[in-house]
């Protein structure tokens, strides 16, 4: 495990895209943790990177759909210019996952 949150985001993306089911699940859990804009192991910009990755993997993120709903929408502190980005990105991800889930029913 690397100390840099952004490095962990990239590693998790590689695992999600190119690994077996077990490793993919662990990587999704890592992205979920890193995508928390108030998380202890991340920062606002690493959270944006993790959420961007989740956005790019589309239906592969369905297993963490419910957990994504529970994430805080905004960081508590940090640069104000970026604080609304996590909120908008989460809204887009959740909307996309809802659409994908409803099309599978």
PDB file of N, CA and C in Angstrom:
ATOM      1  N   UNK A   1       0.845  -1.181   0.000  1.00  0.00           N
ATOM      2  CA  UNK A   1       0.000   0.000   0.000  1.00  0.00           C
ATOM      3  C   UNK A   1       0.886   1.240   0.000  1.00  0.00           C
ATOM      4  N   UNK A   2       0.593   2.132  -0.884  1.00  0.00           N
ATOM      5  CA  UNK A   2       1.345   3.380  -0.991  1.00  0.00           C
ATOM      6  C   UNK A   2       0.749   4.415  -0.049  1.00  0.00           C
ATOM      7  N   UNK A   3       1.578   5.294   0.457  1.00  0.00           N
ATOM      8  CA  UNK A   3       1.095   6.354   1.343  1.00  0.00           C
ATOM      9  C   UNK A   3       0.276   7.402   0.601  1.00  0.00           C
ATOM     10  N   UNK A   4       0.562   7.607  -0.677  1.00  0.00           N
ATOM     11  CA  UNK A   4      -0.121   8.643  -1.453  1.00  0.00           C
ATOM     12  C   UNK A   4      -1.487   8.141  -1.914  1.00  0.00           C
ATOM     13  N   UNK A   5      -2.526   8.872  -1.552  1.00  0.00           N
ATOM     14  CA  UNK A   5      -3.895   8.471  -1.898  1.00  0.00           C
ATOM     15  C   UNK A   5      -4.097   8.416  -3.403  1.00  0.00           C
ATOM     16  N   UNK A   6      -3.502   9.335  -4.135  1.00  0.00           N
ATOM     17  CA  UNK A   6      -3.702   9.340  -5.590  1.00  0.00           C
ATOM     18  C   UNK A   6      -3.055   8.121  -6.244  1.00  0.00           C
ATOM     19  N   UNK A   7      -1.959   7.653  -5.701  1.00  0.00           N
ATOM     20  CA  UNK A   7      -1.330   6.431  -6.218  1.00  0.00           C
ATOM     21  C   UNK A   7      -2.241   5.236  -5.957  1.00  0.00           C
ATOM     22  N   UNK A   8      -2.876   5.197  -4.794  1.00  0.00           N
ATOM     23  CA  UNK A   8      -3.815   4.109  -4.479  1.00  0.00           C
ATOM     24  C   UNK A   8      -5.028   4.151  -5.405  1.00  0.00           C
ATOM     25  N   UNK A   9      -5.462   5.345  -5.792  1.00  0.00           N
ATOM     26  CA  UNK A   9      -6.581   5.468  -6.733  1.00  0.00           C
ATOM     27  C   UNK A   9      -6.208   4.814  -8.061  1.00  0.00           C
ATOM     28  N   UNK A  10      -5.037   5.121  -8.580  1.00  0.00           N
ATOM     29  CA  UNK A  10      -4.602   4.563  -9.865  1.00  0.00           C
ATOM     30  C   UNK A  10      -4.445   3.044  -9.759  1.00  0.00           C
ATOM     31  N   UNK A  11      -3.880   2.566  -8.676  1.00  0.00           N
ATOM     32  CA  UNK A  11      -3.725   1.122  -8.486  1.00  0.00           C
ATOM     33  C   UNK A  11      -5.090   0.439  -8.425  1.00  0.00           C
ATOM     34  N   UNK A  12      -6.035   1.040  -7.721  1.00  0.00           N
ATOM     35  CA  UNK A  12      -7.381   0.466  -7.626  1.00  0.00           C
ATOM     36  C   UNK A  12      -8.058   0.445  -8.993  1.00  0.00           C
ATOM     37  N   UNK A  13      -7.871   1.501  -9.779  1.00  0.00           N
ATOM     38  CA  UNK A  13      -8.462   1.521 -11.119  1.00  0.00           C
ATOM     39  C   UNK A  13      -7.908   0.380 -11.967  1.00  0.00           C
ATOM     40  N   UNK A  14      -6.612   0.147 -11.898  1.00  0.00           N
ATOM     41  CA  UNK A  14      -6.003  -0.951 -12.660  1.00  0.00           C
ATOM     42  C   UNK A  14      -6.594  -2.294 -12.228  1.00  0.00           C
ATOM     43  N   UNK A  15      -6.764  -2.479 -10.928  1.00  0.00           N
ATOM     44  CA  UNK A  15      -7.339  -3.735 -10.441  1.00  0.00           C
ATOM     45  C   UNK A  15      -8.791  -3.896 -10.860  1.00  0.00           C
ATOM     46  N   UNK A  16      -9.551  -2.827 -10.819  1.00  0.00           N
ATOM     47  CA  UNK A  16     -10.956  -2.909 -11.231  1.00  0.00           C
ATOM     48  C   UNK A  16     -11.049  -3.314 -12.698  1.00  0.00           C
ATOM     49  N   UNK A  17     -10.189  -2.770 -13.504  1.00  0.00           N
ATOM     50  CA  UNK A  17     -10.262  -3.015 -14.947  1.00  0.00           C
ATOM     51  C   UNK A  17      -9.646  -4.344 -15.387  1.00  0.00           C
ATOM     52  N   UNK A  18      -8.657  -4.853 -14.633  1.00  0.00           N
ATOM     53  CA  UNK A  18      -7.858  -5.966 -15.159  1.00  0.00           C
ATOM     54  C   UNK A  18      -7.670  -7.136 -14.194  1.00  0.00           C
ATOM     55  N   UNK A  19      -8.546  -7.315 -13.235  1.00  0.00           N
ATOM     56  CA  UNK A  19      -8.311  -8.381 -12.264  1.00  0.00           C
ATOM     57  C   UNK A  19      -9.514  -9.307 -12.146  1.00  0.00           C
ATOM     58  N   UNK A  20      -9.355 -10.297 -11.277  1.00  0.00           N
ATOM     59  CA  UNK A  20     -10.448 -11.246 -11.030  1.00  0.00           C
ATOM     60  C   UNK A  20     -11.483 -10.618 -10.093  1.00  0.00           C
ATOM     61  N   UNK A  21     -12.560 -11.339  -9.882  1.00  0.00           N
ATOM     62  CA  UNK A  21     -13.691 -10.824  -9.099  1.00  0.00           C
ATOM     63  C   UNK A  21     -13.282 -10.419  -7.679  1.00  0.00           C
ATOM     64  N   UNK A  22     -12.508 -11.251  -7.000  1.00  0.00           N
ATOM     65  CA  UNK A  22     -12.120 -10.967  -5.616  1.00  0.00           C
ATOM     66  C   UNK A  22     -11.305  -9.673  -5.519  1.00  0.00           C
ATOM     67  N   UNK A  23     -10.306  -9.542  -6.389  1.00  0.00           N
ATOM     68  CA  UNK A  23      -9.485  -8.325  -6.368  1.00  0.00           C
ATOM     69  C   UNK A  23     -10.280  -7.110  -6.817  1.00  0.00           C
ATOM     70  N   UNK A  24     -11.189  -7.308  -7.757  1.00  0.00           N
ATOM     71  CA  UNK A  24     -12.032  -6.206  -8.226  1.00  0.00           C
ATOM     72  C   UNK A  24     -12.880  -5.665  -7.077  1.00  0.00           C
ATOM     73  N   UNK A  25     -13.443  -6.574  -6.272  1.00  0.00           N
ATOM     74  CA  UNK A  25     -14.265  -6.140  -5.139  1.00  0.00           C
ATOM     75  C   UNK A  25     -13.428  -5.338  -4.137  1.00  0.00           C
ATOM     76  N   UNK A  26     -12.235  -5.813  -3.841  1.00  0.00           N
ATOM     77  CA  UNK A  26     -11.356  -5.078  -2.914  1.00  0.00           C
ATOM     78  C   UNK A  26     -10.992  -3.712  -3.481  1.00  0.00           C
ATOM     79  N   UNK A  27     -10.765  -3.647  -4.786  1.00  0.00           N
ATOM     80  CA  UNK A  27     -10.418  -2.368  -5.416  1.00  0.00           C
ATOM     81  C   UNK A  27     -11.604  -1.403  -5.376  1.00  0.00           C
ATOM     82  N   UNK A  28     -12.817  -1.913  -5.581  1.00  0.00           N
ATOM     83  CA  UNK A  28     -14.006  -1.055  -5.480  1.00  0.00           C
ATOM     84  C   UNK A  28     -14.152  -0.508  -4.070  1.00  0.00           C
ATOM     85  N   UNK A  29     -13.901  -1.354  -3.084  1.00  0.00           N
ATOM     86  CA  UNK A  29     -13.960  -0.891  -1.691  1.00  0.00           C
ATOM     87  C   UNK A  29     -12.918   0.195  -1.435  1.00  0.00           C
ATOM     88  N   UNK A  30     -11.732   0.030  -2.008  1.00  0.00           N
ATOM     89  CA  UNK A  30     -10.688   1.054  -1.857  1.00  0.00           C
ATOM     90  C   UNK A  30     -11.116   2.361  -2.510  1.00  0.00           C
ATOM     91  N   UNK A  31     -11.691   2.280  -3.711  1.00  0.00           N
ATOM     92  CA  UNK A  31     -12.160   3.499  -4.384  1.00  0.00           C
ATOM     93  C   UNK A  31     -13.260   4.181  -3.586  1.00  0.00           C
ATOM     94  N   UNK A  32     -14.121   3.386  -2.994  1.00  0.00           N
ATOM     95  CA  UNK A  32     -15.192   3.950  -2.167  1.00  0.00           C
ATOM     96  C   UNK A  32     -14.603   4.707  -0.976  1.00  0.00           C
ATOM     97  N   UNK A  33     -13.632   4.102  -0.330  1.00  0.00           N
ATOM     98  CA  UNK A  33     -12.988   4.741   0.828  1.00  0.00           C
ATOM     99  C   UNK A  33     -12.245   6.011   0.402  1.00  0.00           C
ATOM    100  N   UNK A  34     -11.526   5.923  -0.699  1.00  0.00           N
ATOM    101  CA  UNK A  34     -10.767   7.079  -1.186  1.00  0.00           C
ATOM    102  C   UNK A  34     -11.670   8.164  -1.758  1.00  0.00           C
ATOM    103  N   UNK A  35     -12.869   7.789  -2.205  1.00  0.00           N
ATOM    104  CA  UNK A  35     -13.808   8.754  -2.761  1.00  0.00           C
ATOM    105  C   UNK A  35     -14.584   9.536  -1.730  1.00  0.00           C
ATOM    106  N   UNK A  36     -14.375   9.225  -0.467  1.00  0.00           N
ATOM    107  CA  UNK A  36     -15.049   9.943   0.608  1.00  0.00           C
ATOM    108  C   UNK A  36     -14.351  11.294   0.815  1.00  0.00           C
ATOM    109  N   UNK A  37     -14.998  12.401   0.490  1.00  0.00           N
ATOM    110  CA  UNK A  37     -14.329  13.701   0.593  1.00  0.00           C
ATOM    111  C   UNK A  37     -14.021  14.120   2.035  1.00  0.00           C
ATOM    112  N   UNK A  38     -14.528  13.379   2.998  1.00  0.00           N
ATOM    113  CA  UNK A  38     -14.208  13.664   4.408  1.00  0.00           C
ATOM    114  C   UNK A  38     -13.398  12.535   5.034  1.00  0.00           C
ATOM    115  N   UNK A  39     -12.915  11.627   4.218  1.00  0.00           N
ATOM    116  CA  UNK A  39     -12.193  10.459   4.721  1.00  0.00           C
ATOM    117  C   UNK A  39     -10.858  10.819   5.351  1.00  0.00           C
ATOM    118  N   UNK A  40     -10.451  10.002   6.290  1.00  0.00           N
ATOM    119  CA  UNK A  40      -9.188  10.242   6.995  1.00  0.00           C
ATOM    120  C   UNK A  40      -7.971   9.882   6.150  1.00  0.00           C
ATOM    121  N   UNK A  41      -8.132   8.945   5.212  1.00  0.00           N
ATOM    122  CA  UNK A  41      -6.996   8.473   4.425  1.00  0.00           C
ATOM    123  C   UNK A  41      -6.876   9.164   3.077  1.00  0.00           C
ATOM    124  N   UNK A  42      -7.625  10.206   2.861  1.00  0.00           N
ATOM    125  CA  UNK A  42      -7.639  10.848   1.555  1.00  0.00           C
ATOM    126  C   UNK A  42      -7.665  12.363   1.722  1.00  0.00           C
ATOM    127  N   UNK A  43      -7.684  13.055   0.617  1.00  0.00           N
ATOM    128  CA  UNK A  43      -7.864  14.501   0.625  1.00  0.00           C
ATOM    129  C   UNK A  43      -8.863  14.830  -0.477  1.00  0.00           C
ATOM    130  N   UNK A  44      -9.236  16.062  -0.561  1.00  0.00           N
ATOM    131  CA  UNK A  44     -10.288  16.466  -1.492  1.00  0.00           C
ATOM    132  C   UNK A  44      -9.947  16.115  -2.936  1.00  0.00           C
ATOM    133  N   UNK A  45      -8.705  16.296  -3.328  1.00  0.00           N
ATOM    134  CA  UNK A  45      -8.340  16.052  -4.718  1.00  0.00           C
ATOM    135  C   UNK A  45      -8.207  14.562  -5.016  1.00  0.00           C
ATOM    136  N   UNK A  46      -7.752  13.781  -4.055  1.00  0.00           N
ATOM    137  CA  UNK A  46      -7.722  12.324  -4.234  1.00  0.00           C
ATOM    138  C   UNK A  46      -9.152  11.787  -4.278  1.00  0.00           C
ATOM    139  N   UNK A  47     -10.047  12.370  -3.494  1.00  0.00           N
ATOM    140  CA  UNK A  47     -11.454  11.954  -3.527  1.00  0.00           C
ATOM    141  C   UNK A  47     -12.045  12.224  -4.911  1.00  0.00           C
ATOM    142  N   UNK A  48     -11.712  13.358  -5.497  1.00  0.00           N
ATOM    143  CA  UNK A  48     -12.184  13.669  -6.851  1.00  0.00           C
ATOM    144  C   UNK A  48     -11.624  12.651  -7.844  1.00  0.00           C
ATOM    145  N   UNK A  49     -10.354  12.299  -7.706  1.00  0.00           N
ATOM    146  CA  UNK A  49      -9.753  11.305  -8.602  1.00  0.00           C
ATOM    147  C   UNK A  49     -10.448   9.948  -8.458  1.00  0.00           C
ATOM    148  N   UNK A  50     -10.727   9.551  -7.227  1.00  0.00           N
ATOM    149  CA  UNK A  50     -11.408   8.269  -6.998  1.00  0.00           C
ATOM    150  C   UNK A  50     -12.818   8.297  -7.567  1.00  0.00           C
ATOM    151  N   UNK A  51     -13.529   9.387  -7.367  1.00  0.00           N
ATOM    152  CA  UNK A  51     -14.888   9.497  -7.901  1.00  0.00           C
ATOM    153  C   UNK A  51     -14.877   9.550  -9.425  1.00  0.00           C
ATOM    154  N   UNK A  52     -13.887  10.194 -10.016  1.00  0.00           N
ATOM    155  CA  UNK A  52     -13.764  10.190 -11.473  1.00  0.00           C
ATOM    156  C   UNK A  52     -13.559   8.766 -11.988  1.00  0.00           C
ATOM    157  N   UNK A  53     -12.767   7.993 -11.276  1.00  0.00           N
ATOM    158  CA  UNK A  53     -12.552   6.598 -11.661  1.00  0.00           C
ATOM    159  C   UNK A  53     -13.849   5.819 -11.563  1.00  0.00           C
ATOM    160  N   UNK A  54     -14.582   6.002 -10.479  1.00  0.00           N
ATOM    161  CA  UNK A  54     -15.869   5.317 -10.315  1.00  0.00           C
ATOM    162  C   UNK A  54     -16.817   5.717 -11.441  1.00  0.00           C
ATOM    163  N   UNK A  55     -16.796   6.975 -11.805  1.00  0.00           N
ATOM    164  CA  UNK A  55     -17.638   7.450 -12.899  1.00  0.00           C
ATOM    165  C   UNK A  55     -17.263   6.757 -14.217  1.00  0.00           C
ATOM    166  N   UNK A  56     -15.981   6.565 -14.457  1.00  0.00           N
ATOM    167  CA  UNK A  56     -15.525   5.971 -15.713  1.00  0.00           C
ATOM    168  C   UNK A  56     -15.842   4.482 -15.825  1.00  0.00           C
ATOM    169  N   UNK A  57     -15.944   3.780 -14.704  1.00  0.00           N
ATOM    170  CA  UNK A  57     -16.123   2.326 -14.788  1.00  0.00           C
ATOM    171  C   UNK A  57     -17.584   1.919 -14.885  1.00  0.00           C
ATOM    172  N   UNK A  58     -18.481   2.886 -14.860  1.00  0.00           N
ATOM    173  CA  UNK A  58     -19.913   2.659 -15.077  1.00  0.00           C
ATOM    174  C   UNK A  58     -20.464   1.465 -14.304  1.00  0.00           C
ATOM    175  N   UNK A  59     -21.031   0.491 -15.000  1.00  0.00           N
ATOM    176  CA  UNK A  59     -21.765  -0.583 -14.330  1.00  0.00           C
ATOM    177  C   UNK A  59     -20.882  -1.463 -13.451  1.00  0.00           C
ATOM    178  N   UNK A  60     -19.586  -1.411 -13.624  1.00  0.00           N
ATOM    179  CA  UNK A  60     -18.691  -2.149 -12.736  1.00  0.00           C
ATOM    180  C   UNK A  60     -18.822  -1.636 -11.302  1.00  0.00           C
ATOM    181  N   UNK A  61     -19.291  -0.399 -11.132  1.00  0.00           N
ATOM    182  CA  UNK A  61     -19.459   0.194  -9.806  1.00  0.00           C
ATOM    183  C   UNK A  61     -20.795  -0.167  -9.154  1.00  0.00           C
ATOM    184  N   UNK A  62     -21.645  -0.914  -9.835  1.00  0.00           N
ATOM    185  CA  UNK A  62     -22.952  -1.263  -9.257  1.00  0.00           C
ATOM    186  C   UNK A  62     -22.861  -1.925  -7.880  1.00  0.00           C
ATOM    187  N   UNK A  63     -21.866  -2.779  -7.609  1.00  0.00           N
ATOM    188  CA  UNK A  63     -21.803  -3.388  -6.275  1.00  0.00           C
ATOM    189  C   UNK A  63     -21.635  -2.387  -5.119  1.00  0.00           C
ATOM    190  N   UNK A  64     -21.143  -1.190  -5.405  1.00  0.00           N
ATOM    191  CA  UNK A  64     -20.975  -0.192  -4.337  1.00  0.00           C
ATOM    192  C   UNK A  64     -21.987   0.945  -4.449  1.00  0.00           C
ATOM    193  N   UNK A  65     -23.017   0.748  -5.240  1.00  0.00           N
ATOM    194  CA  UNK A  65     -24.024   1.783  -5.472  1.00  0.00           C
ATOM    195  C   UNK A  65     -24.633   2.290  -4.168  1.00  0.00           C
ATOM    196  N   UNK A  66     -25.089   1.390  -3.322  1.00  0.00           N
ATOM    197  CA  UNK A  66     -25.733   1.809  -2.067  1.00  0.00           C
ATOM    198  C   UNK A  66     -24.763   2.543  -1.147  1.00  0.00           C
ATOM    199  N   UNK A  67     -23.532   2.080  -1.093  1.00  0.00           N
ATOM    200  CA  UNK A  67     -22.534   2.745  -0.239  1.00  0.00           C
ATOM    201  C   UNK A  67     -22.205   4.146  -0.764  1.00  0.00           C
ATOM    202  N   UNK A  68     -22.225   4.306  -2.075  1.00  0.00           N
ATOM    203  CA  UNK A  68     -21.977   5.629  -2.651  1.00  0.00           C
ATOM    204  C   UNK A  68     -23.036   6.633  -2.216  1.00  0.00           C
ATOM    205  N   UNK A  69     -24.264   6.161  -2.067  1.00  0.00           N
ATOM    206  CA  UNK A  69     -25.348   7.053  -1.632  1.00  0.00           C
ATOM    207  C   UNK A  69     -25.084   7.632  -0.244  1.00  0.00           C
ATOM    208  N   UNK A  70     -24.356   6.893   0.574  1.00  0.00           N
ATOM    209  CA  UNK A  70     -24.112   7.315   1.953  1.00  0.00           C
ATOM    210  C   UNK A  70     -22.893   8.235   2.098  1.00  0.00           C
ATOM    211  N   UNK A  71     -22.112   8.403   1.040  1.00  0.00           N
ATOM    212  CA  UNK A  71     -20.925   9.263   1.153  1.00  0.00           C
ATOM    213  C   UNK A  71     -21.334  10.711   1.383  1.00  0.00           C
ATOM    214  N   UNK A  72     -20.547  11.441   2.183  1.00  0.00           N
ATOM    215  CA  UNK A  72     -20.804  12.874   2.305  1.00  0.00           C
ATOM    216  C   UNK A  72     -20.600  13.541   0.946  1.00  0.00           C
ATOM    217  N   UNK A  73     -21.416  14.506   0.667  1.00  0.00           N
ATOM    218  CA  UNK A  73     -21.386  15.140  -0.652  1.00  0.00           C
ATOM    219  C   UNK A  73     -20.281  16.183  -0.789  1.00  0.00           C
ATOM    220  N   UNK A  74     -19.898  16.780   0.309  1.00  0.00           N
ATOM    221  CA  UNK A  74     -18.884  17.834   0.271  1.00  0.00           C
ATOM    222  C   UNK A  74     -17.853  17.617   1.374  1.00  0.00           C
ATOM    223  N   UNK A  75     -16.626  18.061   1.137  1.00  0.00           N
ATOM    224  CA  UNK A  75     -15.615  18.014   2.204  1.00  0.00           C
ATOM    225  C   UNK A  75     -15.926  19.064   3.263  1.00  0.00           C
ATOM    226  N   UNK A  76     -15.375  18.869   4.432  1.00  0.00           N
ATOM    227  CA  UNK A  76     -15.594  19.841   5.507  1.00  0.00           C
ATOM    228  C   UNK A  76     -14.725  21.076   5.326  1.00  0.00           C
ATOM    229  N   UNK A  77     -13.547  20.885   4.749  1.00  0.00           N
ATOM    230  CA  UNK A  77     -12.647  22.020   4.564  1.00  0.00           C
ATOM    231  C   UNK A  77     -11.907  21.840   3.243  1.00  0.00           C
ATOM    232  N   UNK A  78     -10.940  22.676   3.006  1.00  0.00           N
ATOM    233  CA  UNK A  78     -10.204  22.626   1.753  1.00  0.00           C
ATOM    234  C   UNK A  78     -10.611  23.774   0.854  1.00  0.00           C
ATOM    235  N   UNK A  79     -10.049  23.815  -0.341  1.00  0.00           N
ATOM    236  CA  UNK A  79     -10.345  24.916  -1.265  1.00  0.00           C
ATOM    237  C   UNK A  79     -11.823  24.941  -1.650  1.00  0.00           C
ATOM    238  N   UNK A  80     -12.448  26.089  -1.480  1.00  0.00           N
ATOM    239  CA  UNK A  80     -13.884  26.204  -1.776  1.00  0.00           C
ATOM    240  C   UNK A  80     -14.181  25.987  -3.253  1.00  0.00           C
ATOM    241  N   UNK A  81     -13.259  26.369  -4.113  1.00  0.00           N
ATOM    242  CA  UNK A  81     -13.521  26.251  -5.550  1.00  0.00           C
ATOM    243  C   UNK A  81     -13.728  24.804  -5.973  1.00  0.00           C
ATOM    244  N   UNK A  82     -13.187  23.860  -5.211  1.00  0.00           N
ATOM    245  CA  UNK A  82     -13.323  22.444  -5.572  1.00  0.00           C
ATOM    246  C   UNK A  82     -14.375  21.725  -4.739  1.00  0.00           C
ATOM    247  N   UNK A  83     -14.900  22.368  -3.712  1.00  0.00           N
ATOM    248  CA  UNK A  83     -15.796  21.658  -2.794  1.00  0.00           C
ATOM    249  C   UNK A  83     -17.110  21.232  -3.436  1.00  0.00           C
ATOM    250  N   UNK A  84     -17.605  21.973  -4.400  1.00  0.00           N
ATOM    251  CA  UNK A  84     -18.850  21.584  -5.056  1.00  0.00           C
ATOM    252  C   UNK A  84     -18.665  20.490  -6.096  1.00  0.00           C
ATOM    253  N   UNK A  85     -17.417  20.257  -6.488  1.00  0.00           N
ATOM    254  CA  UNK A  85     -17.161  19.276  -7.526  1.00  0.00           C
ATOM    255  C   UNK A  85     -17.513  17.870  -7.063  1.00  0.00           C
ATOM    256  N   UNK A  86     -17.161  17.525  -5.829  1.00  0.00           N
ATOM    257  CA  UNK A  86     -17.488  16.177  -5.346  1.00  0.00           C
ATOM    258  C   UNK A  86     -19.000  15.977  -5.310  1.00  0.00           C
ATOM    259  N   UNK A  87     -19.727  16.984  -4.933  1.00  0.00           N
ATOM    260  CA  UNK A  87     -21.184  16.882  -4.888  1.00  0.00           C
ATOM    261  C   UNK A  87     -21.759  16.633  -6.282  1.00  0.00           C
ATOM    262  N   UNK A  88     -21.333  17.410  -7.248  1.00  0.00           N
ATOM    263  CA  UNK A  88     -21.841  17.242  -8.614  1.00  0.00           C
ATOM    264  C   UNK A  88     -21.427  15.901  -9.208  1.00  0.00           C
ATOM    265  N   UNK A  89     -20.213  15.491  -8.919  1.00  0.00           N
ATOM    266  CA  UNK A  89     -19.722  14.220  -9.435  1.00  0.00           C
ATOM    267  C   UNK A  89     -20.497  13.046  -8.828  1.00  0.00           C
ATOM    268  N   UNK A  90     -20.742  13.104  -7.536  1.00  0.00           N
ATOM    269  CA  UNK A  90     -21.543  12.047  -6.896  1.00  0.00           C
ATOM    270  C   UNK A  90     -22.957  12.011  -7.456  1.00  0.00           C
ATOM    271  N   UNK A  91     -23.542  13.163  -7.675  1.00  0.00           N
ATOM    272  CA  UNK A  91     -24.891  13.199  -8.263  1.00  0.00           C
ATOM    273  C   UNK A  91     -24.901  12.534  -9.637  1.00  0.00           C
ATOM    274  N   UNK A  92     -23.902  12.818 -10.450  1.00  0.00           N
ATOM    275  CA  UNK A  92     -23.824  12.217 -11.786  1.00  0.00           C
ATOM    276  C   UNK A  92     -23.646  10.704 -11.687  1.00  0.00           C
ATOM    277  N   UNK A  93     -22.736  10.261 -10.832  1.00  0.00           N
ATOM    278  CA  UNK A  93     -22.484   8.828 -10.667  1.00  0.00           C
ATOM    279  C   UNK A  93     -23.759   8.116 -10.234  1.00  0.00           C
ATOM    280  N   UNK A  94     -24.419   8.657  -9.228  1.00  0.00           N
ATOM    281  CA  UNK A  94     -25.635   8.011  -8.715  1.00  0.00           C
ATOM    282  C   UNK A  94     -26.735   7.986  -9.763  1.00  0.00           C
ATOM    283  N   UNK A  95     -26.871   9.059 -10.515  1.00  0.00           N
ATOM    284  CA  UNK A  95     -27.867   9.100 -11.579  1.00  0.00           C
ATOM    285  C   UNK A  95     -27.559   8.042 -12.643  1.00  0.00           C
ATOM    286  N   UNK A  96     -26.307   7.950 -13.038  1.00  0.00           N
ATOM    287  CA  UNK A  96     -25.905   6.953 -14.036  1.00  0.00           C
ATOM    288  C   UNK A  96     -26.141   5.533 -13.529  1.00  0.00           C
ATOM    289  N   UNK A  97     -25.779   5.270 -12.279  1.00  0.00           N
ATOM    290  CA  UNK A  97     -25.960   3.926 -11.725  1.00  0.00           C
ATOM    291  C   UNK A  97     -27.436   3.574 -11.574  1.00  0.00           C
ATOM    292  N   UNK A  98     -28.259   4.553 -11.229  1.00  0.00           N
ATOM    293  CA  UNK A  98     -29.712   4.311 -11.156  1.00  0.00           C
ATOM    294  C   UNK A  98     -30.246   3.915 -12.531  1.00  0.00           C
ATOM    295  N   UNK A  99     -29.801   4.629 -13.556  1.00  0.00           N
ATOM    296  CA  UNK A  99     -30.238   4.333 -14.920  1.00  0.00           C
ATOM    297  C   UNK A  99     -29.786   2.940 -15.332  1.00  0.00           C
ATOM    298  N   UNK A 100     -28.544   2.590 -15.049  1.00  0.00           N
ATOM    299  CA  UNK A 100     -28.021   1.273 -15.398  1.00  0.00           C
ATOM    300  C   UNK A 100     -28.764   0.176 -14.653  1.00  0.00           C
ATOM    301  N   UNK A 101     -28.999   0.391 -13.349  1.00  0.00           N
ATOM    302  CA  UNK A 101     -29.699  -0.612 -12.542  1.00  0.00           C
ATOM    303  C   UNK A 101     -31.121  -0.810 -13.039  1.00  0.00           C
ATOM    304  N   UNK A 102     -31.805   0.273 -13.390  1.00  0.00           N
ATOM    305  CA  UNK A 102     -33.197   0.138 -13.853  1.00  0.00           C
ATOM    306  C   UNK A 102     -33.266  -0.521 -15.225  1.00  0.00           C
ATOM    307  N   UNK A 103     -32.259  -0.370 -16.049  1.00  0.00           N
ATOM    308  CA  UNK A 103     -32.258  -1.014 -17.363  1.00  0.00           C
ATOM    309  C   UNK A 103     -32.001  -2.513 -17.259  1.00  0.00           C
ATOM    310  N   UNK A 104     -31.438  -2.950 -16.135  1.00  0.00           N
ATOM    311  CA  UNK A 104     -31.172  -4.374 -15.934  1.00  0.00           C
ATOM    312  C   UNK A 104     -32.359  -5.111 -15.345  1.00  0.00           C
ATOM    313  N   UNK A 105     -33.363  -4.384 -14.896  1.00  0.00           N
ATOM    314  CA  UNK A 105     -34.537  -5.019 -14.269  1.00  0.00           C
ATOM    315  C   UNK A 105     -35.488  -5.584 -15.282  1.00  0.00           C
TER     316      UNK A 105
END
